[in-house]
Protein backbone atom coordinates (compact mmCIF):
# COMPACT_ATOMS: atom_id res chain seq x y z
CA MET A 1 0.00 0.00 0.00
CA THR A 2 1.30 3.48 -0.90
CA LEU A 3 0.51 6.06 1.75
CA PRO A 4 -0.40 9.60 0.66
CA ARG A 5 2.29 12.24 0.86
CA THR A 6 2.30 14.27 4.07
CA ALA A 7 1.18 17.47 2.36
CA GLU A 8 -1.93 15.74 1.00
CA ASN A 9 -3.19 14.35 4.29
CA ALA A 10 -4.12 16.48 7.28
CA LEU A 11 -3.55 13.61 9.70
CA LEU A 12 0.05 13.23 8.59
CA ALA A 13 0.64 16.97 8.24
CA GLU A 14 -0.33 17.50 11.88
CA ALA A 15 1.36 14.43 13.30
CA GLY A 16 3.26 15.27 16.47
CA GLU A 17 5.88 13.51 18.53
CA GLY A 18 3.46 11.43 20.55
CA THR A 19 2.49 11.52 24.21
CA ARG A 20 4.23 9.99 27.20
CA VAL A 21 2.15 7.32 28.96
CA GLN A 22 2.83 6.37 32.58
CA LEU A 23 1.12 3.67 34.60
CA GLN A 24 2.21 3.86 38.22
CA GLN A 25 1.62 1.06 40.74
CA ILE A 26 -1.67 -0.01 39.14
CA VAL A 27 -3.71 -2.39 41.30
CA LYS A 28 -7.02 -3.88 40.16
CA SER A 29 -9.19 -6.54 41.77
CA TYR A 30 -12.48 -8.21 40.92
CA ALA A 31 -14.55 -9.78 43.72
CA GLY A 32 -11.48 -9.99 45.95
CA ASN A 33 -9.30 -11.52 43.22
CA THR A 34 -6.35 -9.27 42.42
CA VAL A 35 -5.59 -9.29 38.69
CA LEU A 36 -3.03 -6.45 38.58
CA HIS A 37 -0.38 -6.30 41.29
CA GLY A 38 1.15 -2.82 41.37
CA VAL A 39 2.06 -2.61 37.67
CA ASP A 40 4.50 0.10 36.55
CA LEU A 41 4.94 1.00 32.89
CA ASP A 42 6.55 4.09 31.35
CA ILE A 43 6.05 4.53 27.58
CA ALA A 44 8.02 7.17 25.70
CA PRO A 45 6.31 9.60 23.29
CA GLY A 46 5.73 7.93 19.94
CA GLU A 47 6.75 4.47 21.17
CA PHE A 48 5.00 1.25 20.13
CA VAL A 49 4.74 -1.04 23.17
CA SER A 50 3.08 -4.45 23.18
CA LEU A 51 1.58 -6.16 26.22
CA LEU A 52 2.27 -9.84 25.65
CA GLY A 53 1.23 -12.80 27.71
CA PRO A 54 -1.09 -15.79 28.04
CA SER A 55 -4.83 -15.48 28.53
CA GLY A 56 -5.72 -14.25 32.00
CA CYS A 57 -2.37 -12.56 32.67
CA GLY A 58 -3.95 -9.09 33.05
CA LYS A 59 -2.89 -7.42 29.80
CA THR A 60 -6.41 -6.46 28.63
CA THR A 61 -7.34 -5.26 32.12
CA LEU A 62 -4.27 -3.02 32.13
CA LEU A 63 -5.27 -1.61 28.73
CA ARG A 64 -8.81 -0.96 29.95
CA VAL A 65 -7.44 0.89 32.98
CA LEU A 66 -5.34 3.02 30.64
CA ALA A 67 -8.41 3.70 28.50
CA GLY A 68 -10.60 4.59 31.49
CA LEU A 69 -12.95 1.67 30.86
CA GLU A 70 -11.89 0.32 34.26
CA ILE A 71 -10.89 2.38 37.30
CA ALA A 72 -7.83 1.13 39.18
CA ASP A 73 -8.20 0.36 42.89
CA ASP A 74 -4.85 2.04 43.46
CA GLY A 75 -2.15 3.74 41.40
CA ALA A 76 -2.16 6.49 38.78
CA VAL A 77 -2.54 6.86 35.00
CA LEU A 78 -0.67 9.80 33.47
CA LEU A 79 -0.93 11.02 29.87
CA GLY A 80 1.60 13.67 28.95
CA GLY A 81 2.30 14.18 32.66
CA ARG A 82 -1.37 14.80 33.48
CA ASP A 83 -3.09 12.49 35.97
CA VAL A 84 -6.20 11.13 34.23
CA SER A 85 -6.94 8.34 36.71
CA ARG A 86 -10.45 9.68 37.38
CA VAL A 87 -11.04 11.26 33.96
CA PRO A 88 -13.78 9.58 31.84
CA THR A 89 -12.80 7.67 28.72
CA ASN A 90 -14.26 10.26 26.35
CA LYS A 91 -12.09 12.97 27.93
CA ARG A 92 -8.77 11.13 27.69
CA ASP A 93 -8.17 11.75 23.96
CA ILE A 94 -7.52 8.08 23.24
CA GLY A 95 -8.29 6.04 20.11
CA MET A 96 -9.19 2.38 20.53
CA VAL A 97 -9.44 -0.59 18.17
CA PHE A 98 -10.93 -3.84 19.46
CA GLN A 99 -11.02 -7.42 18.19
CA SER A 100 -14.62 -6.88 17.08
CA TYR A 101 -15.05 -4.21 14.41
CA SER A 102 -18.16 -2.66 16.02
CA LEU A 103 -19.17 -0.81 12.85
CA PHE A 104 -22.69 0.57 12.41
CA PRO A 105 -24.21 -1.72 9.74
CA HIS A 106 -26.55 0.96 8.34
CA LEU A 107 -23.84 3.64 7.90
CA ARG A 108 -21.50 4.00 4.96
CA VAL A 109 -17.79 3.52 5.59
CA VAL A 110 -17.14 7.28 5.49
CA ASP A 111 -19.93 7.91 8.01
CA ASN A 112 -18.70 5.14 10.30
CA THR A 113 -15.27 6.75 10.21
CA ALA A 114 -16.67 10.24 10.87
CA PHE A 115 -18.87 9.15 13.79
CA GLY A 116 -16.49 10.31 16.53
CA LEU A 117 -15.94 13.65 14.84
CA ARG A 118 -19.66 14.32 14.49
CA ARG A 119 -20.14 13.50 18.18
CA ARG A 120 -17.55 16.18 18.92
CA GLY A 121 -19.47 18.78 16.97
CA VAL A 122 -17.29 18.84 13.85
CA SER A 123 -19.21 20.07 10.80
CA LYS A 124 -20.44 17.49 8.31
CA ALA A 125 -18.18 18.77 5.52
CA ASP A 126 -15.05 18.89 7.68
CA ALA A 127 -15.82 15.49 9.18
CA ALA A 128 -16.21 14.00 5.69
CA LYS A 129 -12.88 15.50 4.55
CA ARG A 130 -11.02 14.24 7.61
CA SER A 131 -12.65 10.83 7.30
CA LEU A 132 -11.48 10.51 3.70
CA ASP A 133 -7.95 11.41 4.86
CA ALA A 134 -8.13 8.65 7.47
CA LEU A 135 -9.47 6.14 4.97
CA ALA A 136 -6.69 7.05 2.53
CA LEU A 137 -4.22 6.38 5.33
CA VAL A 138 -5.49 2.79 5.66
CA GLY A 139 -5.90 2.26 1.92
CA LEU A 140 -9.71 2.45 1.75
CA ALA A 141 -10.41 5.81 0.12
CA ASP A 142 -12.15 4.04 -2.77
CA PHE A 143 -14.50 2.20 -0.39
CA ALA A 144 -15.95 5.27 1.36
CA ASP A 145 -19.49 4.79 0.05
CA ARG A 146 -19.80 1.08 0.80
CA LEU A 147 -21.66 -0.46 3.72
CA PRO A 148 -19.77 -2.65 6.24
CA HIS A 149 -21.32 -5.90 4.96
CA GLN A 150 -19.80 -5.16 1.54
CA LEU A 151 -16.28 -5.32 3.00
CA SER A 152 -14.04 -8.22 3.98
CA GLY A 153 -13.05 -8.74 7.61
CA GLY A 154 -9.66 -7.15 7.03
CA GLN A 155 -11.24 -4.13 5.35
CA GLN A 156 -13.71 -3.71 8.22
CA GLN A 157 -10.85 -3.73 10.69
CA ARG A 158 -9.09 -1.04 8.64
CA VAL A 159 -12.25 1.07 8.91
CA ALA A 160 -12.15 0.59 12.68
CA LEU A 161 -8.51 1.73 12.63
CA ALA A 162 -9.37 4.79 10.53
CA ARG A 163 -12.19 5.65 12.93
CA ALA A 164 -9.75 5.49 15.84
CA LEU A 165 -7.20 7.71 14.07
CA VAL A 166 -9.54 10.32 12.58
CA THR A 167 -9.91 12.23 15.86
CA GLU A 168 -6.11 12.54 16.05
CA PRO A 169 -5.87 11.00 19.53
CA LYS A 170 -2.82 11.36 21.74
CA VAL A 171 -2.62 7.60 22.27
CA LEU A 172 -3.76 4.60 20.19
CA LEU A 173 -4.84 1.43 22.02
CA LEU A 174 -5.16 -1.87 20.14
CA ASP A 175 -6.82 -4.80 21.93
CA GLU A 176 -6.02 -7.95 19.92
CA PRO A 177 -7.36 -6.30 16.73
CA LEU A 178 -6.00 -8.98 14.39
CA SER A 179 -7.02 -12.22 16.10
CA ALA A 180 -10.26 -12.66 14.11
CA LEU A 181 -8.51 -12.40 10.72
CA ASP A 182 -6.99 -15.15 8.60
CA ALA A 183 -3.22 -15.56 8.69
CA LYS A 184 -2.29 -13.73 5.48
CA VAL A 185 -4.56 -10.74 6.13
CA ARG A 186 -3.36 -10.61 9.73
CA VAL A 187 0.26 -10.22 8.66
CA GLN A 188 -0.59 -7.59 6.05
CA LEU A 189 -2.66 -5.49 8.45
CA ARG A 190 -0.10 -5.91 11.23
CA ASP A 191 2.61 -4.45 9.02
CA GLU A 192 0.33 -1.64 7.82
CA ILE A 193 -0.52 -0.68 11.41
CA ARG A 194 3.17 -0.39 12.18
CA ARG A 195 3.89 1.70 9.08
CA ILE A 196 0.99 4.05 9.85
CA GLN A 197 2.06 4.35 13.48
CA LEU A 198 5.56 5.34 12.43
CA ARG A 199 4.22 7.92 9.98
CA LEU A 200 1.94 9.47 12.60
CA GLY A 201 4.37 9.19 15.48
CA ILE A 202 1.48 8.25 17.77
CA THR A 203 2.14 6.50 21.08
CA THR A 204 0.64 3.02 20.73
CA VAL A 205 -0.14 0.20 23.16
CA PHE A 206 -0.91 -3.16 21.54
CA VAL A 207 -2.37 -6.12 23.45
CA THR A 208 -1.69 -9.57 21.98
CA HIS A 209 -1.06 -13.16 22.98
CA ASP A 210 0.72 -13.76 19.66
CA GLN A 211 4.47 -13.48 20.20
CA GLU A 212 5.21 -13.24 16.48
CA GLU A 213 2.98 -10.17 16.19
CA ALA A 214 4.64 -8.54 19.18
CA LEU A 215 8.16 -9.29 17.96
CA ALA A 216 7.39 -7.96 14.48
CA VAL A 217 5.96 -4.54 15.33
CA SER A 218 7.11 -3.42 18.78
CA ASP A 219 9.76 -1.00 19.94
CA ARG A 220 9.47 -2.69 23.32
CA ILE A 221 7.45 -5.61 24.69
CA ALA A 222 6.15 -5.99 28.24
CA VAL A 223 5.75 -9.69 29.01
CA MET A 224 3.02 -10.17 31.61
CA ASN A 225 2.28 -13.12 33.85
CA SER A 226 -0.21 -13.38 36.73
CA GLY A 227 -0.88 -9.65 36.84
CA ARG A 228 2.74 -8.53 36.80
CA ILE A 229 5.27 -7.43 34.19
CA GLU A 230 8.03 -10.03 34.26
CA GLN A 231 10.29 -8.23 31.78
CA ILE A 232 10.14 -5.28 29.42
CA GLY A 233 12.63 -4.71 26.64
CA SER A 234 13.21 -4.69 22.92
CA PRO A 235 12.23 -7.80 20.95
CA GLU A 236 15.92 -8.68 20.63
CA GLN A 237 16.50 -8.33 24.38
CA LEU A 238 13.57 -10.56 25.29
CA TYR A 239 14.55 -13.21 22.77
CA THR A 240 18.27 -13.34 23.52
CA THR A 241 18.37 -12.46 27.23
CA PRO A 242 15.11 -13.52 28.93
CA ALA A 243 15.06 -12.44 32.58
CA THR A 244 12.98 -15.35 33.88
CA ALA A 245 12.14 -18.91 32.95
CA ASP A 246 8.57 -17.83 32.08
CA VAL A 247 9.84 -15.21 29.63
CA ALA A 248 12.26 -17.68 28.05
CA ALA A 249 9.49 -20.22 27.65
CA PHE A 250 6.91 -17.76 26.29
CA VAL A 251 8.97 -15.63 23.89
CA GLY A 252 10.09 -17.73 20.95
CA LEU A 253 10.44 -21.50 20.92
CA SER A 254 12.73 -23.04 23.49
CA SER A 255 13.66 -26.56 24.50
CA VAL A 256 14.43 -27.03 28.19
CA VAL A 257 17.35 -29.36 28.87
CA ALA A 258 19.34 -30.21 31.97
CA GLY A 259 22.77 -28.74 32.50
CA VAL A 260 25.36 -28.10 35.18
CA ALA A 261 26.48 -24.49 35.57
CA GLU A 262 29.88 -23.36 36.77
CA GLY A 263 30.32 -19.61 36.81
CA ASP A 264 29.82 -18.13 33.35
CA HIS A 265 29.55 -21.50 31.56
CA VAL A 266 27.18 -24.45 31.57
CA THR A 267 27.79 -28.04 30.45
CA VAL A 268 25.09 -29.72 28.33
CA TRP A 269 25.64 -33.11 26.65
CA GLY A 270 29.38 -32.78 27.26
CA GLN A 271 29.53 -29.34 25.61
CA ARG A 272 30.46 -26.11 27.42
CA LEU A 273 28.27 -23.15 26.53
CA PRO A 274 28.55 -19.50 27.64
CA LEU A 275 25.84 -18.33 30.06
CA GLN A 276 23.98 -15.05 29.90
CA ALA A 277 24.27 -14.72 33.68
CA PRO A 278 26.62 -16.59 36.05
CA ALA A 279 25.18 -19.58 37.90
CA ASP A 280 26.30 -22.67 39.78
CA GLY A 281 24.90 -26.16 40.13
CA PRO A 282 22.07 -27.96 38.32
CA VAL A 283 20.10 -25.68 35.96
CA ASP A 284 17.43 -25.76 33.29
CA VAL A 285 18.94 -24.50 30.05
CA PHE A 286 16.76 -22.86 27.38
CA ILE A 287 17.86 -23.82 23.86
CA ARG A 288 16.49 -22.15 20.72
CA PRO A 289 15.76 -24.40 17.68
CA GLU A 290 18.28 -22.53 15.51
CA ASN A 291 21.03 -23.35 18.02
CA VAL A 292 20.69 -27.13 17.67
CA ARG A 293 22.23 -29.06 14.77
CA PHE A 294 22.57 -32.60 13.52
CA ALA A 295 25.98 -33.98 14.46
CA GLY A 296 28.39 -36.64 13.31
CA GLU A 297 29.88 -39.51 15.29
CA ALA A 298 33.02 -37.55 16.15
CA ASP A 299 31.16 -34.57 17.66
CA ALA A 300 30.37 -34.01 21.31
CA ALA A 301 26.67 -34.75 21.04
CA THR A 302 23.80 -36.87 22.30
CA ASP A 303 21.76 -39.60 20.66
CA ALA A 304 18.09 -39.02 19.94
CA LEU A 305 15.04 -40.40 18.13
CA VAL A 306 13.00 -38.32 15.69
CA GLU A 307 9.44 -37.70 16.91
CA GLU A 308 8.23 -35.49 14.04
CA SER A 309 9.50 -33.21 11.30
CA THR A 310 7.57 -30.29 9.82
CA PHE A 311 8.22 -28.51 6.52
CA LEU A 312 7.86 -24.72 6.94
CA GLY A 313 8.98 -23.50 3.52
CA SER A 314 12.43 -21.97 3.92
CA VAL A 315 13.23 -24.18 6.92
CA ARG A 316 12.25 -27.51 8.45
CA ARG A 317 11.63 -27.93 12.18
CA THR A 318 12.27 -31.34 13.72
CA LEU A 319 11.38 -32.60 17.19
CA VAL A 320 13.58 -35.29 18.72
CA ARG A 321 13.65 -37.14 22.04
CA THR A 322 17.03 -37.66 23.68
CA GLU A 323 18.02 -40.81 25.54
CA SER A 324 17.28 -39.01 28.82
CA GLY A 325 13.74 -38.22 27.61
CA GLU A 326 14.21 -34.52 26.82
CA LEU A 327 12.25 -33.15 23.86
CA VAL A 328 14.42 -30.90 21.69
CA ARG A 329 13.52 -28.89 18.58
CA LEU A 330 15.96 -28.28 15.73
CA GLN A 331 15.56 -25.79 12.90
CA HIS A 332 17.47 -26.77 9.79
CA SER A 333 17.63 -26.83 6.01
CA PRO A 334 14.53 -28.29 4.33
CA GLY A 335 16.90 -30.46 2.29
CA ILE A 336 17.46 -32.61 5.39
CA ARG A 337 14.34 -34.77 5.75
CA PRO A 338 14.32 -36.95 8.86
CA VAL A 339 11.31 -39.16 9.48
CA PHE A 340 9.67 -40.59 12.58
CA GLY A 341 11.84 -43.18 14.29
CA ASP A 342 15.15 -42.14 12.71
CA ARG A 343 18.14 -42.36 15.03
CA VAL A 344 20.16 -39.15 14.98
CA ARG A 345 22.85 -37.33 16.92
CA ILE A 346 22.39 -33.70 17.90
CA ALA A 347 24.81 -31.06 19.13
CA LEU A 348 24.58 -27.43 20.19
CA VAL A 349 25.85 -24.31 18.48
CA PRO A 350 28.17 -22.56 20.99
CA GLU A 351 25.92 -19.54 21.49
CA GLN A 352 25.16 -17.86 24.81
CA VAL A 353 22.17 -19.44 26.58
CA ALA A 354 19.75 -18.59 29.37
CA ALA A 355 19.58 -20.88 32.38
CA HIS A 356 17.67 -20.92 35.65
CA PRO A 357 18.16 -23.06 38.77
CA ARG A 358 16.34 -26.37 38.65
CA GLY A 359 13.26 -26.84 40.77
């Protein structure tokens, strides 16, 4: 999709540097069950931050507190340094996109997009012009006169995005907006959202349980578990240096194998590997699929049986079971085609690994 030039689109022409978002010691409970335990999050102006975690970890609740749809039991929400903890949603200058499109079925696309502007008292002509700018931004200028049922799911979600952007909010909140779409459309719209966000410079908070989505679009990712942020960092930091076992297990694919740590190295299958952080004694070592390889008889390695092998296009991913019963994934050339029951030997690439004490 080719975006309009800045001079041709009022949204882009007036794009600022974004707004700082601060969540300070946010606590939220339902019926005595605490779902957010003093969460702190500081988002820089114009930053794209994803809240990532399994279902029930508190990420959507945190987003709803930021939006004003839920009121925190304790803590503060600051937008641009202003405390909005008790300010209603419609006074926070926030744009939201949900998993459901929530379009008015009887209104044309341009009128759906203009709805928020008309509610704010913007004239019909100005609202229509700004709506067309927003639709051009998401690649739907030619669909302005259609009704929602005449659009695909991906197109309807773009309308929802345009509607959120047309009021030029300080902050954009996205609550799993792609989960109802098929895989190809999801990737396309994900990338378009990121490109638009960069062009507008709008501070964005994106809730998802899909790690690939978060890794692809985020400046930083906050990994949540049981109502707390376990680690926040760039996608590269979370993938290469996970702070906890839960982060290592959730971000990317990892195989957990036994090792013995001694200072800044750990021994696995007779191989010494560098550790991300010093440790001593028995540890669980987190091994990425790309850091395991098939080995020859002369290599320091371990014997294993092939459990399954999956063709993924440019690579093949194979699951093996070692003699000690550990399940290990390898990522390798699709030209190597192991089958169930094959006996193989596997070794590790001498890359730095994460490890945590056993038990």
